[in-house]
Amino acid sequence: MNEILPLLRQTALSEYEPLAINSIEVLSILKDEESKNQAIEKLDARDEFEQYNAVKFLVAYQAKDCLDKIIEVMKKSLKRPTLLIPTKILT
């Protein structure tokens, strides 16, 4: 299992969204805290696209414990028209 985690972490960052989302979902099932924590750190990035990717990761990961932080980032992005908000809702 340890040899697959680095590959999943790498493909979770893929620009091909179906691959990225599937990889993130597997990381979530495996409860990979390292990748989740990296995404949480990126929520504080100055780069809006890094923030967007972090939100997208955490939503796909179903990180309900990060919902407040995600909403905070999304509120800031609403003031800046350049950042899009992922449409999948945490359930």
N, C-alpha and C. Protein backbone atom coordinates (compact mmCIF):
# COMPACT_ATOMS: atom_id res chain seq x y z
N MET A 1 0.82 -1.20 0.00
CA MET A 1 0.00 0.00 0.00
C MET A 1 0.87 1.26 0.00
N ASN A 2 1.98 1.23 0.72
CA ASN A 2 2.83 2.42 0.80
C ASN A 2 3.40 2.84 -0.54
N GLU A 3 3.57 1.89 -1.47
CA GLU A 3 4.12 2.29 -2.77
C GLU A 3 3.08 2.95 -3.67
N ILE A 4 1.80 2.75 -3.38
CA ILE A 4 0.75 3.35 -4.21
C ILE A 4 0.41 4.78 -3.77
N LEU A 5 0.63 5.11 -2.51
CA LEU A 5 0.28 6.45 -2.02
C LEU A 5 0.98 7.58 -2.79
N PRO A 6 2.30 7.48 -3.04
CA PRO A 6 2.94 8.57 -3.80
C PRO A 6 2.34 8.74 -5.20
N LEU A 7 1.99 7.63 -5.84
CA LEU A 7 1.38 7.71 -7.17
C LEU A 7 0.00 8.36 -7.10
N LEU A 8 -0.79 7.98 -6.10
CA LEU A 8 -2.10 8.59 -5.93
C LEU A 8 -2.00 10.08 -5.63
N ARG A 9 -1.03 10.45 -4.80
CA ARG A 9 -0.83 11.88 -4.49
C ARG A 9 -0.46 12.66 -5.74
N GLN A 10 0.34 12.04 -6.60
CA GLN A 10 0.77 12.70 -7.84
C GLN A 10 -0.41 12.83 -8.81
N THR A 11 -1.16 11.75 -8.99
CA THR A 11 -2.29 11.80 -9.93
C THR A 11 -3.44 12.65 -9.40
N ALA A 12 -3.50 12.86 -8.09
CA ALA A 12 -4.52 13.74 -7.52
C ALA A 12 -4.31 15.19 -7.96
N LEU A 13 -3.12 15.51 -8.42
CA LEU A 13 -2.81 16.86 -8.88
C LEU A 13 -2.87 16.98 -10.39
N SER A 14 -3.33 15.93 -11.06
CA SER A 14 -3.39 15.91 -12.52
C SER A 14 -4.33 16.98 -13.05
N GLU A 15 -4.00 17.50 -14.21
CA GLU A 15 -4.88 18.46 -14.87
C GLU A 15 -6.08 17.75 -15.50
N TYR A 16 -5.97 16.43 -15.68
CA TYR A 16 -7.09 15.65 -16.19
C TYR A 16 -8.02 15.37 -15.02
N GLU A 17 -9.08 16.14 -14.94
CA GLU A 17 -9.92 16.17 -13.75
C GLU A 17 -10.50 14.81 -13.33
N PRO A 18 -10.99 13.97 -14.26
CA PRO A 18 -11.51 12.67 -13.80
C PRO A 18 -10.46 11.83 -13.07
N LEU A 19 -9.23 11.86 -13.55
CA LEU A 19 -8.14 11.13 -12.89
C LEU A 19 -7.86 11.74 -11.52
N ALA A 20 -7.81 13.06 -11.47
CA ALA A 20 -7.53 13.74 -10.20
C ALA A 20 -8.61 13.43 -9.17
N ILE A 21 -9.87 13.55 -9.57
CA ILE A 21 -10.97 13.33 -8.63
C ILE A 21 -10.98 11.88 -8.14
N ASN A 22 -10.80 10.93 -9.05
CA ASN A 22 -10.76 9.52 -8.64
C ASN A 22 -9.61 9.26 -7.67
N SER A 23 -8.47 9.85 -7.93
CA SER A 23 -7.31 9.67 -7.05
C SER A 23 -7.58 10.27 -5.67
N ILE A 24 -8.18 11.44 -5.65
CA ILE A 24 -8.50 12.09 -4.37
C ILE A 24 -9.49 11.25 -3.58
N GLU A 25 -10.48 10.71 -4.26
CA GLU A 25 -11.46 9.88 -3.58
C GLU A 25 -10.83 8.64 -2.97
N VAL A 26 -9.86 8.04 -3.68
CA VAL A 26 -9.15 6.88 -3.13
C VAL A 26 -8.30 7.31 -1.94
N LEU A 27 -7.64 8.45 -2.04
CA LEU A 27 -6.86 8.96 -0.90
C LEU A 27 -7.76 9.17 0.31
N SER A 28 -8.96 9.62 0.07
CA SER A 28 -9.91 9.82 1.16
C SER A 28 -10.29 8.48 1.80
N ILE A 29 -10.57 7.50 0.98
CA ILE A 29 -10.91 6.16 1.49
C ILE A 29 -9.76 5.60 2.32
N LEU A 30 -8.54 5.87 1.86
CA LEU A 30 -7.35 5.40 2.58
C LEU A 30 -7.00 6.29 3.77
N LYS A 31 -7.76 7.37 3.94
CA LYS A 31 -7.54 8.33 5.03
C LYS A 31 -6.11 8.88 5.03
N ASP A 32 -5.66 9.31 3.85
CA ASP A 32 -4.32 9.86 3.71
C ASP A 32 -4.28 11.29 4.23
N GLU A 33 -3.83 11.44 5.45
CA GLU A 33 -3.78 12.75 6.10
C GLU A 33 -2.73 13.67 5.50
N GLU A 34 -1.66 13.10 4.95
CA GLU A 34 -0.60 13.93 4.37
C GLU A 34 -1.12 14.78 3.22
N SER A 35 -1.82 14.17 2.29
CA SER A 35 -2.34 14.92 1.14
C SER A 35 -3.43 15.91 1.59
N LYS A 36 -4.25 15.50 2.54
CA LYS A 36 -5.28 16.39 3.07
C LYS A 36 -4.65 17.62 3.72
N ASN A 37 -3.62 17.40 4.54
CA ASN A 37 -2.94 18.51 5.22
C ASN A 37 -2.26 19.45 4.23
N GLN A 38 -1.72 18.91 3.15
CA GLN A 38 -1.11 19.76 2.12
C GLN A 38 -2.17 20.66 1.49
N ALA A 39 -3.35 20.10 1.24
CA ALA A 39 -4.43 20.89 0.66
C ALA A 39 -4.89 21.97 1.64
N ILE A 40 -4.97 21.63 2.90
CA ILE A 40 -5.37 22.61 3.93
C ILE A 40 -4.38 23.77 3.96
N GLU A 41 -3.09 23.46 3.88
CA GLU A 41 -2.07 24.51 3.86
C GLU A 41 -2.24 25.42 2.64
N LYS A 42 -2.61 24.84 1.50
CA LYS A 42 -2.75 25.62 0.27
C LYS A 42 -3.97 26.55 0.30
N LEU A 43 -4.87 26.33 1.23
CA LEU A 43 -6.00 27.25 1.36
C LEU A 43 -5.53 28.65 1.74
N ASP A 44 -4.37 28.74 2.37
CA ASP A 44 -3.81 30.02 2.78
C ASP A 44 -2.84 30.61 1.75
N ALA A 45 -2.73 29.97 0.61
CA ALA A 45 -1.80 30.44 -0.43
C ALA A 45 -2.23 31.80 -0.95
N ARG A 46 -1.29 32.55 -1.44
CA ARG A 46 -1.60 33.86 -2.03
C ARG A 46 -2.16 33.69 -3.44
N ASP A 47 -1.77 32.61 -4.09
CA ASP A 47 -2.20 32.32 -5.46
C ASP A 47 -3.63 31.76 -5.43
N GLU A 48 -4.54 32.44 -6.12
CA GLU A 48 -5.94 32.04 -6.12
C GLU A 48 -6.15 30.66 -6.75
N PHE A 49 -5.32 30.31 -7.73
CA PHE A 49 -5.48 29.02 -8.36
C PHE A 49 -5.04 27.89 -7.43
N GLU A 50 -4.05 28.16 -6.61
CA GLU A 50 -3.67 27.16 -5.60
C GLU A 50 -4.80 26.99 -4.60
N GLN A 51 -5.42 28.09 -4.21
CA GLN A 51 -6.56 28.01 -3.30
C GLN A 51 -7.70 27.22 -3.94
N TYR A 52 -7.98 27.51 -5.20
CA TYR A 52 -9.04 26.81 -5.92
C TYR A 52 -8.75 25.31 -5.95
N ASN A 53 -7.52 24.94 -6.28
CA ASN A 53 -7.16 23.52 -6.33
C ASN A 53 -7.27 22.87 -4.96
N ALA A 54 -6.94 23.62 -3.93
CA ALA A 54 -7.07 23.08 -2.57
C ALA A 54 -8.54 22.86 -2.22
N VAL A 55 -9.40 23.80 -2.58
CA VAL A 55 -10.83 23.64 -2.33
C VAL A 55 -11.35 22.44 -3.10
N LYS A 56 -10.97 22.35 -4.36
CA LYS A 56 -11.41 21.23 -5.19
C LYS A 56 -10.96 19.90 -4.59
N PHE A 57 -9.72 19.85 -4.10
CA PHE A 57 -9.20 18.64 -3.48
C PHE A 57 -10.02 18.29 -2.24
N LEU A 58 -10.22 19.24 -1.36
CA LEU A 58 -10.91 18.99 -0.10
C LEU A 58 -12.38 18.62 -0.30
N VAL A 59 -13.01 19.18 -1.32
CA VAL A 59 -14.39 18.81 -1.63
C VAL A 59 -14.44 17.37 -2.12
N ALA A 60 -13.54 17.01 -3.04
CA ALA A 60 -13.50 15.63 -3.54
C ALA A 60 -13.11 14.66 -2.42
N TYR A 61 -12.28 15.10 -1.52
CA TYR A 61 -11.83 14.29 -0.38
C TYR A 61 -12.95 14.11 0.65
N GLN A 62 -13.99 14.95 0.53
CA GLN A 62 -15.11 14.96 1.48
C GLN A 62 -14.63 15.35 2.88
N ALA A 63 -13.78 16.37 2.93
CA ALA A 63 -13.21 16.84 4.19
C ALA A 63 -14.20 17.76 4.90
N LYS A 64 -15.20 17.16 5.49
CA LYS A 64 -16.25 17.93 6.16
C LYS A 64 -15.71 18.76 7.32
N ASP A 65 -14.64 18.31 7.92
CA ASP A 65 -14.04 19.05 9.03
C ASP A 65 -13.38 20.35 8.55
N CYS A 66 -13.22 20.51 7.25
CA CYS A 66 -12.60 21.72 6.69
C CYS A 66 -13.63 22.66 6.09
N LEU A 67 -14.89 22.35 6.27
CA LEU A 67 -15.95 23.12 5.61
C LEU A 67 -15.90 24.61 5.95
N ASP A 68 -15.67 24.96 7.21
CA ASP A 68 -15.58 26.38 7.58
C ASP A 68 -14.47 27.09 6.84
N LYS A 69 -13.32 26.45 6.75
CA LYS A 69 -12.17 27.05 6.06
C LYS A 69 -12.45 27.17 4.56
N ILE A 70 -13.09 26.14 3.98
CA ILE A 70 -13.44 26.18 2.56
C ILE A 70 -14.40 27.33 2.28
N ILE A 71 -15.40 27.49 3.11
CA ILE A 71 -16.38 28.58 2.94
C ILE A 71 -15.70 29.93 3.06
N GLU A 72 -14.77 30.05 3.99
CA GLU A 72 -14.03 31.31 4.16
C GLU A 72 -13.28 31.66 2.87
N VAL A 73 -12.61 30.69 2.28
CA VAL A 73 -11.87 30.91 1.03
C VAL A 73 -12.84 31.26 -0.10
N MET A 74 -13.97 30.56 -0.14
CA MET A 74 -14.95 30.82 -1.20
C MET A 74 -15.55 32.22 -1.07
N LYS A 75 -15.79 32.67 0.15
CA LYS A 75 -16.31 34.03 0.35
C LYS A 75 -15.33 35.07 -0.17
N LYS A 76 -14.04 34.85 0.12
CA LYS A 76 -13.02 35.78 -0.38
C LYS A 76 -13.00 35.77 -1.90
N SER A 77 -13.17 34.59 -2.49
CA SER A 77 -13.09 34.48 -3.95
C SER A 77 -14.29 35.16 -4.62
N LEU A 78 -15.42 35.24 -3.92
CA LEU A 78 -16.57 35.91 -4.50
C LEU A 78 -16.31 37.39 -4.72
N LYS A 79 -15.40 37.94 -3.94
CA LYS A 79 -15.03 39.35 -4.09
C LYS A 79 -14.07 39.54 -5.26
N ARG A 80 -13.46 38.42 -5.69
CA ARG A 80 -12.53 38.45 -6.83
C ARG A 80 -13.12 37.56 -7.91
N PRO A 81 -13.46 38.11 -9.05
CA PRO A 81 -14.15 37.33 -10.08
C PRO A 81 -13.28 36.29 -10.80
N THR A 82 -12.01 36.18 -10.48
CA THR A 82 -11.14 35.28 -11.22
C THR A 82 -11.16 33.84 -10.70
N LEU A 83 -11.72 33.61 -9.54
CA LEU A 83 -11.70 32.27 -8.95
C LEU A 83 -13.06 31.61 -9.08
N LEU A 84 -13.08 30.44 -9.69
CA LEU A 84 -14.32 29.69 -9.82
C LEU A 84 -14.49 28.79 -8.61
N ILE A 85 -15.73 28.45 -8.32
CA ILE A 85 -16.04 27.65 -7.14
C ILE A 85 -16.50 26.27 -7.61
N PRO A 86 -15.93 25.19 -7.05
CA PRO A 86 -16.36 23.85 -7.43
C PRO A 86 -17.86 23.67 -7.15
N THR A 87 -18.50 22.87 -8.00
CA THR A 87 -19.95 22.70 -7.88
C THR A 87 -20.36 21.49 -7.06
N LYS A 88 -19.48 20.57 -6.79
CA LYS A 88 -19.85 19.40 -5.99
C LYS A 88 -20.04 19.84 -4.55
N ILE A 89 -21.10 19.37 -3.94
CA ILE A 89 -21.41 19.76 -2.57
C ILE A 89 -21.10 18.62 -1.63
N LEU A 90 -20.52 18.95 -0.48
CA LEU A 90 -20.23 17.94 0.52
C LEU A 90 -21.54 17.44 1.10
N THR A 91 -21.70 16.14 1.08
CA THR A 91 -22.92 15.55 1.66
C THR A 91 -22.56 14.51 2.68
